[in-house]
Amino acid sequence: MQPVTLVIGLTGGIASGKSTVAQMFQQRGITVVDADVIAKEAVEKGMPAYRKITETFGSGVLLETGDIDRKKLGELVFKNEEKRMQLNAIVHPEVRKTMIRERDEAIQAGERFVVLDIPLLYESGLEHLADKVIVVWIPKKLQLERLMKRNSLNEEEALNRIHAQLPLDEKRKKADAVIDNSGRLEDTENQLQRLLEAWSHTEK
C-alpha cells in the first residue's frame, strides 16, 4: 500500500528562523514548496500576475528592463492598505494555485512528507492546505534583536515589521507543533528530527 503523504505547513515570524528550518527539511530530502519563491516567479514578465499588476499600478512600478521594481511596488503598497489589498488579490490566487499543484505532485509521487513554507499562513487563512502546522518560535525580544541586526533597522522600523504580522505567541497557540529556535542550531535540528520521527508513524 502506498504511504500516506503528510502535508506540513511551516510558518513563523519575521527573523524567527523559519528559512533555517526549511533548509533542514531540504537537507533530509523533503520537498519544500516555498510561497516566497513562487510569489517572486508569479510576477515575472509574461506571467498572468505581471500583466494584471502593470494594468492596475501603471508603468511607474517597472524598471527600465520592464521587470517589476519590487522595492518601488513594496513602498507603494506598504503605505496604502487599499493598494496592498489590490496587489494581494492579484498575486495570492496565483501563488495558491502553484503551491497546490506542487503539493499534489509530491503526494502523487508518494513522498512521506511535503512542506508548505508560508510566512503568512495564519494571516492568509491557509491552514486548510496542510495536515499539520509547525511554528518556528523565538521570544519577541530576541526577534527584535535579530531583525534589527539582519536588516540594519532601528527599533521603530523593526517593530513596525513585527507588528504587521500576527504575534508569534498567538501563532504558537494555534500550531500543532512548535520549534523553539532561540538556542543553538543543533537544538533546533533535534526538535525537528524528533517531530519527524513522531509524525512518521501517524496517519492523517
Protein backbone atom coordinates (compact mmCIF):
# COMPACT_ATOMS: atom_id res chain seq x y z
CA MET A 1 0.00 0.00 0.00
CA GLN A 2 1.25 3.48 -0.89
CA PRO A 3 2.29 5.51 2.18
CA VAL A 4 0.09 8.48 3.03
CA THR A 5 1.80 11.85 2.49
CA LEU A 6 1.70 14.17 5.50
CA VAL A 7 1.45 17.80 4.39
CA ILE A 8 3.24 20.08 6.86
CA GLY A 9 2.61 23.82 6.95
CA LEU A 10 5.73 25.68 8.09
CA THR A 11 5.39 29.23 9.39
CA GLY A 12 6.87 31.63 11.92
CA GLY A 13 7.53 35.33 12.24
CA ILE A 14 9.98 37.68 10.59
CA ALA A 15 13.54 36.79 11.73
CA SER A 16 12.34 33.74 13.71
CA GLY A 17 14.48 31.35 11.65
CA LYS A 18 11.80 29.68 9.52
CA SER A 19 14.11 29.60 6.47
CA THR A 20 16.75 27.80 8.55
CA VAL A 21 14.21 25.10 9.45
CA ALA A 22 13.08 24.90 5.79
CA GLN A 23 16.72 24.16 4.83
CA MET A 24 16.83 21.41 7.46
CA PHE A 25 13.83 19.76 5.77
CA GLN A 26 15.54 20.05 2.37
CA GLN A 27 18.74 18.52 3.73
CA ARG A 28 16.63 15.48 4.63
CA GLY A 29 15.42 15.21 1.03
CA ILE A 30 11.94 16.50 1.87
CA THR A 31 10.18 18.65 -0.75
CA VAL A 32 9.67 22.24 0.41
CA VAL A 33 7.16 24.35 -1.52
CA ASP A 34 8.25 27.94 -0.83
CA ALA A 35 5.49 30.59 -1.08
CA ASP A 36 8.01 33.46 -1.31
CA VAL A 37 9.87 31.88 -4.24
CA ILE A 38 6.56 31.18 -6.02
CA ALA A 39 5.39 34.77 -5.37
CA LYS A 40 8.58 36.15 -6.99
CA GLU A 41 8.13 33.87 -10.01
CA ALA A 42 4.44 34.80 -10.27
CA VAL A 43 5.24 38.45 -11.05
CA GLU A 44 7.90 37.78 -13.71
CA LYS A 45 7.40 39.07 -17.25
CA GLY A 46 4.91 37.01 -19.24
CA MET A 47 3.08 35.68 -16.16
CA PRO A 48 -0.66 36.50 -15.69
CA ALA A 49 0.02 38.41 -12.43
CA TYR A 50 2.65 40.60 -14.17
CA ARG A 51 0.09 41.79 -16.73
CA LYS A 52 -2.53 42.50 -14.04
CA ILE A 53 -0.02 44.43 -11.89
CA THR A 54 1.04 46.69 -14.77
CA GLU A 55 -2.62 47.28 -15.67
CA THR A 56 -3.51 48.11 -12.06
CA PHE A 57 -0.47 50.12 -10.92
CA GLY A 58 0.84 51.52 -14.22
CA SER A 59 4.32 51.60 -15.76
CA GLY A 60 5.67 53.59 -12.79
CA VAL A 61 6.30 50.32 -10.92
CA LEU A 62 8.56 48.96 -13.68
CA LEU A 63 12.34 49.03 -14.02
CA GLU A 64 13.93 50.11 -17.32
CA THR A 65 14.21 46.41 -18.20
CA GLY A 66 10.43 46.08 -17.99
CA ASP A 67 10.66 43.92 -14.87
CA ILE A 68 8.63 44.87 -11.82
CA ASP A 69 10.52 47.11 -9.38
CA ARG A 70 9.73 45.10 -6.27
CA LYS A 71 11.13 47.79 -3.97
CA LYS A 72 9.00 50.56 -5.53
CA LEU A 73 5.89 48.37 -5.57
CA GLY A 74 6.55 47.37 -1.94
CA GLU A 75 6.83 51.00 -0.83
CA LEU A 76 3.63 51.87 -2.69
CA VAL A 77 1.51 49.13 -1.09
CA PHE A 78 3.16 49.32 2.35
CA LYS A 79 1.73 52.83 2.85
CA ASN A 80 -1.67 52.17 1.27
CA GLU A 81 -3.96 49.46 2.61
CA GLU A 82 -6.27 49.58 -0.43
CA LYS A 83 -3.38 49.16 -2.88
CA ARG A 84 -1.94 46.34 -0.75
CA MET A 85 -5.26 44.51 -0.93
CA GLN A 86 -5.35 45.04 -4.71
CA LEU A 87 -1.86 43.56 -5.05
CA ASN A 88 -2.70 40.60 -2.79
CA ALA A 89 -5.85 39.92 -4.80
CA ILE A 90 -3.67 39.62 -7.92
CA VAL A 91 -0.72 37.66 -6.54
CA HIS A 92 -2.21 35.38 -3.86
CA PRO A 93 -4.51 33.29 -6.10
CA GLU A 94 -1.60 32.62 -8.50
CA VAL A 95 0.65 31.59 -5.61
CA ARG A 96 -2.02 29.32 -4.12
CA LYS A 97 -2.63 27.62 -7.48
CA THR A 98 1.08 26.81 -7.92
CA MET A 99 1.52 25.70 -4.29
CA ILE A 100 -1.42 23.30 -4.52
CA ARG A 101 -0.09 21.89 -7.80
CA GLU A 102 3.40 21.30 -6.33
CA ARG A 103 1.91 19.83 -3.15
CA ASP A 104 -0.25 17.43 -5.15
CA GLU A 105 2.72 16.37 -7.32
CA ALA A 106 4.60 15.35 -4.15
CA ILE A 107 1.53 13.42 -2.94
CA GLN A 108 1.21 11.67 -6.32
CA ALA A 109 4.89 10.73 -6.12
CA GLY A 110 4.17 9.02 -2.77
CA GLU A 111 6.52 11.21 -0.71
CA ARG A 112 6.19 10.69 3.06
CA PHE A 113 6.29 14.42 3.83
CA VAL A 114 5.83 17.63 1.85
CA VAL A 115 6.34 21.06 3.43
CA LEU A 116 4.43 24.23 2.55
CA ASP A 117 6.66 27.13 3.63
CA ILE A 118 4.17 30.00 4.06
CA PRO A 119 5.29 33.06 6.09
CA LEU A 120 1.74 34.43 6.47
CA LEU A 121 -0.03 31.07 6.76
CA TYR A 122 -2.40 32.14 9.56
CA GLU A 123 -2.80 35.73 8.35
CA SER A 124 -3.87 34.42 4.93
CA GLY A 125 -6.12 31.68 6.37
CA LEU A 126 -4.24 28.88 4.58
CA GLU A 127 -4.08 26.32 7.41
CA HIS A 128 -6.52 24.11 5.47
CA LEU A 129 -3.80 23.38 2.87
CA ALA A 130 -1.80 21.38 5.44
CA ASP A 131 -2.44 18.40 7.76
CA LYS A 132 -0.12 19.70 10.50
CA VAL A 133 1.35 23.14 11.17
CA ILE A 134 4.78 23.85 12.68
CA VAL A 135 5.51 27.33 14.07
CA VAL A 136 9.15 28.36 14.40
CA TRP A 137 9.15 30.45 17.57
CA ILE A 138 11.55 32.77 19.41
CA PRO A 139 10.87 35.30 22.21
CA LYS A 140 9.86 38.76 20.95
CA LYS A 141 12.95 40.44 22.45
CA LEU A 142 15.23 38.10 20.51
CA GLN A 143 13.11 38.51 17.36
CA LEU A 144 13.58 42.29 17.60
CA GLU A 145 17.35 41.99 18.13
CA ARG A 146 17.80 39.58 15.22
CA LEU A 147 15.68 41.65 12.84
CA MET A 148 17.47 44.93 13.68
CA LYS A 149 20.83 43.26 13.14
CA ARG A 150 19.87 41.30 9.99
CA ASN A 151 18.14 44.15 8.15
CA SER A 152 20.10 47.09 9.64
CA LEU A 153 16.90 48.61 11.06
CA ASN A 154 16.33 50.86 14.03
CA GLU A 155 13.98 49.65 16.78
CA GLU A 156 10.92 51.50 15.46
CA GLU A 157 11.37 50.17 11.90
CA ALA A 158 11.85 46.63 13.17
CA LEU A 159 8.80 46.80 15.46
CA ASN A 160 6.64 48.07 12.56
CA ARG A 161 7.53 44.94 10.58
CA ILE A 162 6.97 42.63 13.54
CA HIS A 163 3.58 44.23 14.30
CA ALA A 164 2.47 43.83 10.66
CA GLN A 165 2.22 40.09 11.39
CA LEU A 166 0.23 38.07 13.89
CA PRO A 167 2.34 37.84 17.09
CA LEU A 168 4.48 34.69 17.38
CA ASP A 169 2.87 33.87 20.74
CA GLU A 170 -0.55 33.82 19.01
CA LYS A 171 0.73 31.60 16.21
CA ARG A 172 2.28 29.30 18.80
CA LYS A 173 -1.15 28.69 20.39
CA LYS A 174 -2.66 27.68 17.03
CA ALA A 175 0.16 25.31 15.96
CA ASP A 176 0.23 21.51 16.04
CA ALA A 177 3.92 21.72 16.96
CA VAL A 178 6.37 24.46 17.96
CA ILE A 179 10.10 24.54 17.25
CA ASP A 180 11.92 26.83 19.68
CA ASN A 181 14.72 28.41 17.65
CA SER A 182 16.13 30.61 20.40
CA GLY A 183 19.02 28.28 21.25
CA ARG A 184 21.77 26.51 19.32
CA LEU A 185 21.22 25.24 15.78
CA GLU A 186 21.68 21.63 16.89
CA ASP A 187 18.85 22.11 19.43
CA THR A 188 16.57 23.26 16.59
CA GLU A 189 17.72 20.32 14.46
CA ASN A 190 17.00 17.84 17.26
CA GLN A 191 13.48 19.20 17.78
CA LEU A 192 12.75 18.82 14.07
CA GLN A 193 14.16 15.29 13.97
CA ARG A 194 12.03 14.20 16.94
CA LEU A 195 8.92 15.65 15.29
CA LEU A 196 9.56 13.87 12.01
CA GLU A 197 10.13 10.59 13.82
CA ALA A 198 6.88 11.02 15.76
CA TRP A 199 4.92 12.01 12.66
CA SER A 200 6.37 9.20 10.54
CA HIS A 201 4.00 6.83 12.30
CA THR A 202 0.88 8.98 12.17
CA GLU A 203 -1.87 8.71 9.64
CA LYS A 204 -3.84 11.81 8.63
